[in-house]
PDB file of N, CA and C in Angstrom:
ATOM      1  N   MET A   1     -37.616  -4.274 -88.873  1.00  0.00           N
ATOM      2  CA  MET A   1     -38.850  -4.983 -89.134  1.00  0.00           C
ATOM      3  C   MET A   1     -38.527  -6.119 -90.089  1.00  0.00           C
ATOM      4  N   SER A   2     -38.958  -7.316 -89.808  1.00  0.00           N
ATOM      5  CA  SER A   2     -38.671  -8.457 -90.658  1.00  0.00           C
ATOM      6  C   SER A   2     -39.555  -8.433 -91.894  1.00  0.00           C
ATOM      7  N   ASP A   3     -39.136  -9.236 -92.902  1.00  0.00           N
ATOM      8  CA  ASP A   3     -39.893  -9.287 -94.150  1.00  0.00           C
ATOM      9  C   ASP A   3     -41.280  -9.879 -93.956  1.00  0.00           C
ATOM     10  N   SER A   4     -41.473 -10.695 -92.916  1.00  0.00           N
ATOM     11  CA  SER A   4     -42.762 -11.343 -92.716  1.00  0.00           C
ATOM     12  C   SER A   4     -43.796 -10.419 -92.070  1.00  0.00           C
ATOM     13  N   GLN A   5     -43.353  -9.288 -91.549  1.00  0.00           N
ATOM     14  CA  GLN A   5     -44.285  -8.351 -90.930  1.00  0.00           C
ATOM     15  C   GLN A   5     -44.692  -7.296 -91.947  1.00  0.00           C
ATOM     16  N   GLU A   6     -45.972  -7.000 -91.981  1.00  0.00           N
ATOM     17  CA  GLU A   6     -46.478  -5.976 -92.885  1.00  0.00           C
ATOM     18  C   GLU A   6     -47.194  -4.902 -92.095  1.00  0.00           C
ATOM     19  N   LEU A   7     -47.064  -3.667 -92.557  1.00  0.00           N
ATOM     20  CA  LEU A   7     -47.808  -2.572 -91.950  1.00  0.00           C
ATOM     21  C   LEU A   7     -49.183  -2.520 -92.586  1.00  0.00           C
ATOM     22  N   GLN A   8     -50.197  -2.367 -91.768  1.00  0.00           N
ATOM     23  CA  GLN A   8     -51.543  -2.288 -92.279  1.00  0.00           C
ATOM     24  C   GLN A   8     -52.154  -0.959 -91.881  1.00  0.00           C
ATOM     25  N   VAL A   9     -52.734  -0.265 -92.841  1.00  0.00           N
ATOM     26  CA  VAL A   9     -53.375   1.014 -92.591  1.00  0.00           C
ATOM     27  C   VAL A   9     -54.775   0.732 -92.064  1.00  0.00           C
ATOM     28  N   GLN A  10     -55.109   1.367 -90.952  1.00  0.00           N
ATOM     29  CA  GLN A  10     -56.439   1.192 -90.391  1.00  0.00           C
ATOM     30  C   GLN A  10     -57.279   2.420 -90.682  1.00  0.00           C
ATOM     31  N   GLN A  11     -58.555   2.192 -90.911  1.00  0.00           N
ATOM     32  CA  GLN A  11     -59.465   3.293 -91.159  1.00  0.00           C
ATOM     33  C   GLN A  11     -59.755   4.022 -89.861  1.00  0.00           C
ATOM     34  N   LYS A  12     -59.954   5.329 -89.941  1.00  0.00           N
ATOM     35  CA  LYS A  12     -60.317   6.099 -88.751  1.00  0.00           C
ATOM     36  C   LYS A  12     -61.743   5.761 -88.368  1.00  0.00           C
ATOM     37  N   ARG A  13     -61.953   5.578 -87.067  1.00  0.00           N
ATOM     38  CA  ARG A  13     -63.281   5.236 -86.571  1.00  0.00           C
ATOM     39  C   ARG A  13     -63.842   6.410 -85.790  1.00  0.00           C
ATOM     40  N   GLU A  14     -65.143   6.589 -85.925  1.00  0.00           N
ATOM     41  CA  GLU A  14     -65.814   7.660 -85.195  1.00  0.00           C
ATOM     42  C   GLU A  14     -66.228   7.144 -83.824  1.00  0.00           C
ATOM     43  N   VAL A  15     -66.044   7.961 -82.802  1.00  0.00           N
ATOM     44  CA  VAL A  15     -66.401   7.602 -81.439  1.00  0.00           C
ATOM     45  C   VAL A  15     -67.918   7.579 -81.311  1.00  0.00           C
ATOM     46  N   GLU A  16     -68.421   6.539 -80.655  1.00  0.00           N
ATOM     47  CA  GLU A  16     -69.851   6.511 -80.356  1.00  0.00           C
ATOM     48  C   GLU A  16     -70.083   7.396 -79.150  1.00  0.00           C
ATOM     49  N   LYS A  17     -70.915   8.411 -79.314  1.00  0.00           N
ATOM     50  CA  LYS A  17     -71.153   9.346 -78.222  1.00  0.00           C
ATOM     51  C   LYS A  17     -72.105   8.736 -77.214  1.00  0.00           C
ATOM     52  N   LYS A  18     -71.619   8.549 -76.002  1.00  0.00           N
ATOM     53  CA  LYS A  18     -72.447   8.035 -74.927  1.00  0.00           C
ATOM     54  C   LYS A  18     -72.742   9.119 -73.900  1.00  0.00           C
ATOM     55  N   THR A  19     -71.990  10.203 -73.982  1.00  0.00           N
ATOM     56  CA  THR A  19     -72.207  11.330 -73.082  1.00  0.00           C
ATOM     57  C   THR A  19     -72.265  12.603 -73.909  1.00  0.00           C
ATOM     58  N   GLU A  20     -72.763  13.638 -73.310  1.00  0.00           N
ATOM     59  CA  GLU A  20     -72.807  14.922 -73.990  1.00  0.00           C
ATOM     60  C   GLU A  20     -71.464  15.615 -73.856  1.00  0.00           C
ATOM     61  N   GLY A  21     -71.071  16.358 -74.872  1.00  0.00           N
ATOM     62  CA  GLY A  21     -69.802  17.053 -74.842  1.00  0.00           C
ATOM     63  C   GLY A  21     -69.957  18.529 -75.096  1.00  0.00           C
ATOM     64  N   THR A  22     -68.877  19.261 -74.945  1.00  0.00           N
ATOM     65  CA  THR A  22     -68.898  20.705 -75.152  1.00  0.00           C
ATOM     66  C   THR A  22     -68.465  21.096 -76.557  1.00  0.00           C
ATOM     67  N   THR A  23     -68.014  20.116 -77.351  1.00  0.00           N
ATOM     68  CA  THR A  23     -67.627  20.414 -78.723  1.00  0.00           C
ATOM     69  C   THR A  23     -68.633  19.787 -79.666  1.00  0.00           C
ATOM     70  N   SER A  24     -68.962  20.517 -80.718  1.00  0.00           N
ATOM     71  CA  SER A  24     -69.906  19.985 -81.686  1.00  0.00           C
ATOM     72  C   SER A  24     -69.136  19.306 -82.817  1.00  0.00           C
ATOM     73  N   GLY A  25     -69.805  18.449 -83.538  1.00  0.00           N
ATOM     74  CA  GLY A  25     -69.184  17.784 -84.672  1.00  0.00           C
ATOM     75  C   GLY A  25     -68.710  16.392 -84.335  1.00  0.00           C
ATOM     76  N   ARG A  26     -68.058  15.768 -85.296  1.00  0.00           N
ATOM     77  CA  ARG A  26     -67.580  14.404 -85.147  1.00  0.00           C
ATOM     78  C   ARG A  26     -66.363  14.332 -84.241  1.00  0.00           C
ATOM     79  N   VAL A  27     -66.219  13.181 -83.597  1.00  0.00           N
ATOM     80  CA  VAL A  27     -65.047  12.905 -82.769  1.00  0.00           C
ATOM     81  C   VAL A  27     -64.495  11.564 -83.221  1.00  0.00           C
ATOM     82  N   PHE A  28     -63.188  11.502 -83.510  1.00  0.00           N
ATOM     83  CA  PHE A  28     -62.561  10.295 -84.029  1.00  0.00           C
ATOM     84  C   PHE A  28     -61.632   9.671 -82.995  1.00  0.00           C
ATOM     85  N   LEU A  29     -61.443   8.348 -83.114  1.00  0.00           N
ATOM     86  CA  LEU A  29     -60.477   7.628 -82.280  1.00  0.00           C
ATOM     87  C   LEU A  29     -59.132   7.638 -82.998  1.00  0.00           C
ATOM     88  N   PRO A  30     -58.066   8.191 -82.398  1.00  0.00           N
ATOM     89  CA  PRO A  30     -56.766   8.132 -83.064  1.00  0.00           C
ATOM     90  C   PRO A  30     -56.224   6.698 -83.027  1.00  0.00           C
ATOM     91  N   VAL A  31     -55.522   6.316 -84.081  1.00  0.00           N
ATOM     92  CA  VAL A  31     -54.877   5.010 -84.124  1.00  0.00           C
ATOM     93  C   VAL A  31     -53.830   4.974 -83.017  1.00  0.00           C
ATOM     94  N   THR A  32     -53.798   3.886 -82.246  1.00  0.00           N
ATOM     95  CA  THR A  32     -52.949   3.824 -81.057  1.00  0.00           C
ATOM     96  C   THR A  32     -52.160   2.527 -81.005  1.00  0.00           C
ATOM     97  N   ASP A  33     -50.891   2.636 -80.617  1.00  0.00           N
ATOM     98  CA  ASP A  33     -50.043   1.478 -80.335  1.00  0.00           C
ATOM     99  C   ASP A  33     -49.585   1.599 -78.894  1.00  0.00           C
ATOM    100  N   ILE A  34     -49.529   0.464 -78.187  1.00  0.00           N
ATOM    101  CA  ILE A  34     -49.045   0.446 -76.807  1.00  0.00           C
ATOM    102  C   ILE A  34     -47.909  -0.567 -76.729  1.00  0.00           C
ATOM    103  N   PHE A  35     -46.766  -0.117 -76.214  1.00  0.00           N
ATOM    104  CA  PHE A  35     -45.591  -0.967 -76.065  1.00  0.00           C
ATOM    105  C   PHE A  35     -45.262  -1.106 -74.592  1.00  0.00           C
ATOM    106  N   GLU A  36     -44.801  -2.283 -74.191  1.00  0.00           N
ATOM    107  CA  GLU A  36     -44.421  -2.500 -72.794  1.00  0.00           C
ATOM    108  C   GLU A  36     -42.959  -2.930 -72.720  1.00  0.00           C
ATOM    109  N   THR A  37     -42.241  -2.294 -71.799  1.00  0.00           N
ATOM    110  CA  THR A  37     -40.878  -2.688 -71.453  1.00  0.00           C
ATOM    111  C   THR A  37     -40.869  -2.985 -69.961  1.00  0.00           C
ATOM    112  N   PRO A  38     -39.795  -3.521 -69.428  1.00  0.00           N
ATOM    113  CA  PRO A  38     -39.753  -3.745 -67.978  1.00  0.00           C
ATOM    114  C   PRO A  38     -39.903  -2.453 -67.171  1.00  0.00           C
ATOM    115  N   GLU A  39     -39.591  -1.314 -67.776  1.00  0.00           N
ATOM    116  CA  GLU A  39     -39.601  -0.033 -67.061  1.00  0.00           C
ATOM    117  C   GLU A  39     -40.888   0.772 -67.214  1.00  0.00           C
ATOM    118  N   ALA A  40     -41.595   0.626 -68.361  1.00  0.00           N
ATOM    119  CA  ALA A  40     -42.724   1.527 -68.623  1.00  0.00           C
ATOM    120  C   ALA A  40     -43.646   0.971 -69.699  1.00  0.00           C
ATOM    121  N   LEU A  41     -44.812   1.611 -69.801  1.00  0.00           N
ATOM    122  CA  LEU A  41     -45.715   1.433 -70.936  1.00  0.00           C
ATOM    123  C   LEU A  41     -45.585   2.689 -71.785  1.00  0.00           C
ATOM    124  N   THR A  42     -45.516   2.528 -73.097  1.00  0.00           N
ATOM    125  CA  THR A  42     -45.444   3.667 -74.001  1.00  0.00           C
ATOM    126  C   THR A  42     -46.651   3.621 -74.917  1.00  0.00           C
ATOM    127  N   VAL A  43     -47.403   4.713 -74.949  1.00  0.00           N
ATOM    128  CA  VAL A  43     -48.605   4.818 -75.771  1.00  0.00           C
ATOM    129  C   VAL A  43     -48.300   5.804 -76.892  1.00  0.00           C
ATOM    130  N   VAL A  44     -48.513   5.368 -78.142  1.00  0.00           N
ATOM    131  CA  VAL A  44     -48.244   6.217 -79.305  1.00  0.00           C
ATOM    132  C   VAL A  44     -49.559   6.418 -80.048  1.00  0.00           C
ATOM    133  N   LEU A  45     -49.990   7.684 -80.172  1.00  0.00           N
ATOM    134  CA  LEU A  45     -51.249   8.026 -80.836  1.00  0.00           C
ATOM    135  C   LEU A  45     -50.949   8.870 -82.068  1.00  0.00           C
ATOM    136  N   ASP A  46     -51.602   8.553 -83.170  1.00  0.00           N
ATOM    137  CA  ASP A  46     -51.379   9.251 -84.431  1.00  0.00           C
ATOM    138  C   ASP A  46     -52.513  10.237 -84.665  1.00  0.00           C
ATOM    139  N   PHE A  47     -52.166  11.540 -84.741  1.00  0.00           N
ATOM    140  CA  PHE A  47     -53.139  12.606 -85.023  1.00  0.00           C
ATOM    141  C   PHE A  47     -52.732  13.294 -86.314  1.00  0.00           C
ATOM    142  N   THR A  48     -53.708  13.872 -86.978  1.00  0.00           N
ATOM    143  CA  THR A  48     -53.424  14.688 -88.151  1.00  0.00           C
ATOM    144  C   THR A  48     -53.911  16.090 -87.845  1.00  0.00           C
ATOM    145  N   LYS A  49     -53.039  17.056 -88.070  1.00  0.00           N
ATOM    146  CA  LYS A  49     -53.378  18.429 -87.727  1.00  0.00           C
ATOM    147  C   LYS A  49     -52.918  19.354 -88.854  1.00  0.00           C
ATOM    148  N   TYR A  50     -53.784  20.235 -89.272  1.00  0.00           N
ATOM    149  CA  TYR A  50     -53.441  21.206 -90.311  1.00  0.00           C
ATOM    150  C   TYR A  50     -53.298  22.565 -89.663  1.00  0.00           C
ATOM    151  N   GLU A  51     -52.084  23.092 -89.634  1.00  0.00           N
ATOM    152  CA  GLU A  51     -51.852  24.425 -89.075  1.00  0.00           C
ATOM    153  C   GLU A  51     -51.438  25.349 -90.207  1.00  0.00           C
ATOM    154  N   GLY A  52     -52.248  26.350 -90.469  1.00  0.00           N
ATOM    155  CA  GLY A  52     -51.930  27.315 -91.511  1.00  0.00           C
ATOM    156  C   GLY A  52     -52.046  26.764 -92.913  1.00  0.00           C
ATOM    157  N   MET A  53     -52.715  25.603 -93.090  1.00  0.00           N
ATOM    158  CA  MET A  53     -52.868  25.005 -94.413  1.00  0.00           C
ATOM    159  C   MET A  53     -54.323  24.639 -94.632  1.00  0.00           C
ATOM    160  N   GLN A  54     -54.736  24.692 -95.866  1.00  0.00           N
ATOM    161  CA  GLN A  54     -56.067  24.237 -96.245  1.00  0.00           C
ATOM    162  C   GLN A  54     -55.869  23.049 -97.168  1.00  0.00           C
ATOM    163  N   PRO A  55     -56.287  21.838 -96.752  1.00  0.00           N
ATOM    164  CA  PRO A  55     -56.068  20.674 -97.612  1.00  0.00           C
ATOM    165  C   PRO A  55     -56.870  20.767 -98.908  1.00  0.00           C
ATOM    166  N   LEU A  56     -56.239  20.385-100.020  1.00  0.00           N
ATOM    167  CA  LEU A  56     -56.916  20.357-101.309  1.00  0.00           C
ATOM    168  C   LEU A  56     -57.618  19.029-101.525  1.00  0.00           C
ATOM    169  N   TYR A  57     -57.086  17.959-100.930  1.00  0.00           N
ATOM    170  CA  TYR A  57     -57.664  16.624-101.071  1.00  0.00           C
ATOM    171  C   TYR A  57     -57.352  15.836 -99.812  1.00  0.00           C
ATOM    172  N   THR A  58     -58.340  15.173 -99.233  1.00  0.00           N
ATOM    173  CA  THR A  58     -58.115  14.305 -98.083  1.00  0.00           C
ATOM    174  C   THR A  58     -58.906  13.027 -98.269  1.00  0.00           C
ATOM    175  N   GLU A  59     -58.418  11.938 -97.676  1.00  0.00           N
ATOM    176  CA  GLU A  59     -59.110  10.660 -97.747  1.00  0.00           C
ATOM    177  C   GLU A  59     -59.827  10.346 -96.444  1.00  0.00           C
ATOM    178  N   TYR A  60     -59.871  11.271 -95.532  1.00  0.00           N
ATOM    179  CA  TYR A  60     -60.570  11.098 -94.268  1.00  0.00           C
ATOM    180  C   TYR A  60     -60.996  12.465 -93.777  1.00  0.00           C
ATOM    181  N   ASN A  61     -61.924  12.474 -92.845  1.00  0.00           N
ATOM    182  CA  ASN A  61     -62.432  13.733 -92.306  1.00  0.00           C
ATOM    183  C   ASN A  61     -61.520  14.268 -91.213  1.00  0.00           C
ATOM    184  N   VAL A  62     -61.387  15.563 -91.189  1.00  0.00           N
ATOM    185  CA  VAL A  62     -60.645  16.224 -90.122  1.00  0.00           C
ATOM    186  C   VAL A  62     -61.647  16.584 -89.044  1.00  0.00           C
ATOM    187  N   GLY A  63     -61.293  16.398 -87.797  1.00  0.00           N
ATOM    188  CA  GLY A  63     -62.219  16.704 -86.718  1.00  0.00           C
ATOM    189  C   GLY A  63     -61.526  16.601 -85.378  1.00  0.00           C
ATOM    190  N   HIS A  64     -62.311  16.450 -84.340  1.00  0.00           N
ATOM    191  CA  HIS A  64     -61.781  16.312 -82.989  1.00  0.00           C
ATOM    192  C   HIS A  64     -61.426  14.851 -82.738  1.00  0.00           C
ATOM    193  N   TYR A  65     -60.465  14.645 -81.853  1.00  0.00           N
ATOM    194  CA  TYR A  65     -60.044  13.295 -81.502  1.00  0.00           C
ATOM    195  C   TYR A  65     -60.217  13.085 -80.010  1.00  0.00           C
ATOM    196  N   ALA A  66     -60.595  11.870 -79.628  1.00  0.00           N
ATOM    197  CA  ALA A  66     -60.732  11.534 -78.210  1.00  0.00           C
ATOM    198  C   ALA A  66     -60.378  10.068 -78.038  1.00  0.00           C
ATOM    199  N   ARG A  67     -59.657   9.757 -76.968  1.00  0.00           N
ATOM    200  CA  ARG A  67     -59.321   8.374 -76.646  1.00  0.00           C
ATOM    201  C   ARG A  67     -59.070   8.306 -75.154  1.00  0.00           C
ATOM    202  N   SER A  68     -59.564   7.291 -74.498  1.00  0.00           N
ATOM    203  CA  SER A  68     -59.321   7.160 -73.069  1.00  0.00           C
ATOM    204  C   SER A  68     -58.982   5.712 -72.748  1.00  0.00           C
ATOM    205  N   PHE A  69     -58.154   5.542 -71.727  1.00  0.00           N
ATOM    206  CA  PHE A  69     -57.735   4.227 -71.270  1.00  0.00           C
ATOM    207  C   PHE A  69     -57.816   4.206 -69.753  1.00  0.00           C
ATOM    208  N   GLN A  70     -58.068   3.042 -69.201  1.00  0.00           N
ATOM    209  CA  GLN A  70     -57.978   2.875 -67.759  1.00  0.00           C
ATOM    210  C   GLN A  70     -56.630   2.229 -67.485  1.00  0.00           C
ATOM    211  N   ILE A  71     -55.848   2.855 -66.607  1.00  0.00           N
ATOM    212  CA  ILE A  71     -54.539   2.299 -66.285  1.00  0.00           C
ATOM    213  C   ILE A  71     -54.540   1.812 -64.841  1.00  0.00           C
ATOM    214  N   SER A  72     -53.671   0.873 -64.569  1.00  0.00           N
ATOM    215  CA  SER A  72     -53.631   0.295 -63.225  1.00  0.00           C
ATOM    216  C   SER A  72     -52.918   1.248 -62.263  1.00  0.00           C
ATOM    217  N   ASN A  73     -53.020   0.921 -60.994  1.00  0.00           N
ATOM    218  CA  ASN A  73     -52.333   1.718 -59.982  1.00  0.00           C
ATOM    219  C   ASN A  73     -50.851   1.360 -59.912  1.00  0.00           C
ATOM    220  N   LYS A  74     -50.387   0.519 -60.818  1.00  0.00           N
ATOM    221  CA  LYS A  74     -48.970   0.145 -60.848  1.00  0.00           C
ATOM    222  C   LYS A  74     -48.160   1.086 -61.732  1.00  0.00           C
ATOM    223  N   ILE A  75     -48.762   2.204 -62.113  1.00  0.00           N
ATOM    224  CA  ILE A  75     -48.083   3.247 -62.880  1.00  0.00           C
ATOM    225  C   ILE A  75     -47.701   4.363 -61.916  1.00  0.00           C
ATOM    226  N   ASP A  76     -46.469   4.860 -62.034  1.00  0.00           N
ATOM    227  CA  ASP A  76     -46.019   5.977 -61.197  1.00  0.00           C
ATOM    228  C   ASP A  76     -46.554   7.267 -61.805  1.00  0.00           C
ATOM    229  N   GLN A  77     -47.681   7.736 -61.298  1.00  0.00           N
ATOM    230  CA  GLN A  77     -48.368   8.893 -61.881  1.00  0.00           C
ATOM    231  C   GLN A  77     -47.555  10.175 -61.807  1.00  0.00           C
ATOM    232  N   THR A  78     -46.597  10.261 -60.913  1.00  0.00           N
ATOM    233  CA  THR A  78     -45.789  11.478 -60.787  1.00  0.00           C
ATOM    234  C   THR A  78     -44.731  11.581 -61.881  1.00  0.00           C
ATOM    235  N   LYS A  79     -44.504  10.511 -62.642  1.00  0.00           N
ATOM    236  CA  LYS A  79     -43.443  10.514 -63.662  1.00  0.00           C
ATOM    237  C   LYS A  79     -43.973  10.346 -65.087  1.00  0.00           C
ATOM    238  N   ILE A  80     -45.281  10.490 -65.288  1.00  0.00           N
ATOM    239  CA  ILE A  80     -45.852  10.371 -66.634  1.00  0.00           C
ATOM    240  C   ILE A  80     -45.372  11.542 -67.482  1.00  0.00           C
ATOM    241  N   SER A  81     -44.974  11.261 -68.727  1.00  0.00           N
ATOM    242  CA  SER A  81     -44.530  12.331 -69.627  1.00  0.00           C
ATOM    243  C   SER A  81     -45.202  12.162 -70.987  1.00  0.00           C
ATOM    244  N   ALA A  82     -45.290  13.270 -71.730  1.00  0.00           N
ATOM    245  CA  ALA A  82     -45.917  13.237 -73.053  1.00  0.00           C
ATOM    246  C   ALA A  82     -45.174  14.184 -73.983  1.00  0.00           C
ATOM    247  N   LEU A  83     -45.142  13.817 -75.266  1.00  0.00           N
ATOM    248  CA  LEU A  83     -44.473  14.617 -76.288  1.00  0.00           C
ATOM    249  C   LEU A  83     -45.303  14.541 -77.562  1.00  0.00           C
ATOM    250  N   MET A  84     -45.496  15.691 -78.229  1.00  0.00           N
ATOM    251  CA  MET A  84     -46.167  15.696 -79.533  1.00  0.00           C
ATOM    252  C   MET A  84     -45.190  16.210 -80.565  1.00  0.00           C
ATOM    253  N   LYS A  85     -44.971  15.402 -81.611  1.00  0.00           N
ATOM    254  CA  LYS A  85     -44.049  15.790 -82.670  1.00  0.00           C
ATOM    255  C   LYS A  85     -44.560  15.226 -83.989  1.00  0.00           C
ATOM    256  N   ASP A  86     -44.673  16.077 -84.990  1.00  0.00           N
ATOM    257  CA  ASP A  86     -45.111  15.680 -86.330  1.00  0.00           C
ATOM    258  C   ASP A  86     -46.434  14.926 -86.317  1.00  0.00           C
ATOM    259  N   GLY A  87     -47.380  15.367 -85.484  1.00  0.00           N
ATOM    260  CA  GLY A  87     -48.697  14.764 -85.454  1.00  0.00           C
ATOM    261  C   GLY A  87     -48.785  13.448 -84.697  1.00  0.00           C
ATOM    262  N   VAL A  88     -47.717  13.090 -83.980  1.00  0.00           N
ATOM    263  CA  VAL A  88     -47.707  11.850 -83.202  1.00  0.00           C
ATOM    264  C   VAL A  88     -47.513  12.209 -81.732  1.00  0.00           C
ATOM    265  N   VAL A  89     -48.436  11.724 -80.883  1.00  0.00           N
ATOM    266  CA  VAL A  89     -48.324  11.937 -79.445  1.00  0.00           C
ATOM    267  C   VAL A  89     -47.750  10.666 -78.833  1.00  0.00           C
ATOM    268  N   THR A  90     -46.676  10.824 -78.053  1.00  0.00           N
ATOM    269  CA  THR A  90     -46.060   9.699 -77.352  1.00  0.00           C
ATOM    270  C   THR A  90     -46.184   9.953 -75.860  1.00  0.00           C
ATOM    271  N   ILE A  91     -46.828   9.030 -75.161  1.00  0.00           N
ATOM    272  CA  ILE A  91     -47.017   9.140 -73.715  1.00  0.00           C
ATOM    273  C   ILE A  91     -46.261   7.998 -73.057  1.00  0.00           C
ATOM    274  N   VAL A  92     -45.401   8.325 -72.092  1.00  0.00           N
ATOM    275  CA  VAL A  92     -44.639   7.309 -71.370  1.00  0.00           C
ATOM    276  C   VAL A  92     -45.207   7.201 -69.963  1.00  0.00           C
ATOM    277  N   LEU A  93     -45.621   5.990 -69.604  1.00  0.00           N
ATOM    278  CA  LEU A  93     -46.205   5.700 -68.298  1.00  0.00           C
ATOM    279  C   LEU A  93     -45.233   4.801 -67.528  1.00  0.00           C
ATOM    280  N   PRO A  94     -44.326   5.397 -66.735  1.00  0.00           N
ATOM    281  CA  PRO A  94     -43.349   4.581 -66.004  1.00  0.00           C
ATOM    282  C   PRO A  94     -44.029   3.689 -64.971  1.00  0.00           C
ATOM    283  N   LYS A  95     -43.533   2.477 -64.855  1.00  0.00           N
ATOM    284  CA  LYS A  95     -44.084   1.545 -63.872  1.00  0.00           C
ATOM    285  C   LYS A  95     -43.597   1.927 -62.479  1.00  0.00           C
ATOM    286  N   ALA A  96     -44.480   1.733 -61.496  1.00  0.00           N
ATOM    287  CA  ALA A  96     -44.084   1.936 -60.099  1.00  0.00           C
ATOM    288  C   ALA A  96     -43.074   0.857 -59.728  1.00  0.00           C
ATOM    289  N   GLU A  97     -42.236   1.138 -58.754  1.00  0.00           N
ATOM    290  CA  GLU A  97     -41.180   0.198 -58.375  1.00  0.00           C
ATOM    291  C   GLU A  97     -41.725  -1.189 -58.053  1.00  0.00           C
ATOM    292  N   GLN A  98     -42.864  -1.273 -57.363  1.00  0.00           N
ATOM    293  CA  GLN A  98     -43.398  -2.580 -56.989  1.00  0.00           C
ATOM    294  C   GLN A  98     -43.909  -3.363 -58.196  1.00  0.00           C
ATOM    295  N   ALA A  99     -44.125  -2.704 -59.333  1.00  0.00           N
ATOM    296  CA  ALA A  99     -44.619  -3.383 -60.530  1.00  0.00           C
ATOM    297  C   ALA A  99     -43.493  -3.835 -61.452  1.00  0.00           C
ATOM    298  N   LYS A 100     -42.275  -3.332 -61.238  1.00  0.00           N
ATOM    299  CA  LYS A 100     -41.157  -3.699 -62.103  1.00  0.00           C
ATOM    300  C   LYS A 100     -40.683  -5.115 -61.778  1.00  0.00           C
ATOM    301  N   PRO A 101     -40.268  -5.839 -62.811  1.00  0.00           N
ATOM    302  CA  PRO A 101     -39.759  -7.183 -62.543  1.00  0.00           C
ATOM    303  C   PRO A 101     -38.469  -7.112 -61.724  1.00  0.00           C
ATOM    304  N   ARG A 102     -38.268  -8.109 -60.900  1.00  0.00           N
ATOM    305  CA  ARG A 102     -37.020  -8.133 -60.120  1.00  0.00           C
ATOM    306  C   ARG A 102     -36.454  -9.533 -60.131  1.00  0.00           C
ATOM    307  N   LYS A 103     -35.171  -9.625 -59.921  1.00  0.00           N
ATOM    308  CA  LYS A 103     -34.483 -10.916 -59.899  1.00  0.00           C
ATOM    309  C   LYS A 103     -34.276 -11.329 -58.450  1.00  0.00           C
ATOM    310  N   ILE A 104     -34.545 -12.599 -58.205  1.00  0.00           N
ATOM    311  CA  ILE A 104     -34.317 -13.158 -56.871  1.00  0.00           C
ATOM    312  C   ILE A 104     -33.321 -14.288 -57.038  1.00  0.00           C
ATOM    313  N   GLN A 105     -32.235 -14.179 -56.314  1.00  0.00           N
ATOM    314  CA  GLN A 105     -31.208 -15.211 -56.405  1.00  0.00           C
ATOM    315  C   GLN A 105     -31.616 -16.414 -55.545  1.00  0.00           C
ATOM    316  N   VAL A 106     -31.559 -17.583 -56.151  1.00  0.00           N
ATOM    317  CA  VAL A 106     -31.886 -18.821 -55.446  1.00  0.00           C
ATOM    318  C   VAL A 106     -30.590 -19.547 -55.152  1.00  0.00           C
ATOM    319  N   SER A 107     -30.376 -19.901 -53.901  1.00  0.00           N
ATOM    320  CA  SER A 107     -29.136 -20.600 -53.573  1.00  0.00           C
ATOM    321  C   SER A 107     -29.392 -22.026 -53.154  1.00  0.00           C
TER     322      SER A 107
END
């Protein structure tokens, strides 16, 4: 990361409920970053989860999280993968072959 780039902490936002749900209480939007490479889109979502611990002090509310995205049909749905580690969910959405950039030789 260069010196000119700074990390900025974003406040957690509560989801506006437009539909009824099966869980009661607040629902928050997890902070999300999306990266694109020639091969895939990578979605990184930050969650906070307390397992076997009771927080003594928090600067935000703990609750349910929800986030949804519409993706194009240029994603190979059979190869989507997800990993959760240390409260961070990483989802890899591989591009379908027809969506990947290709080189055409001009003679």
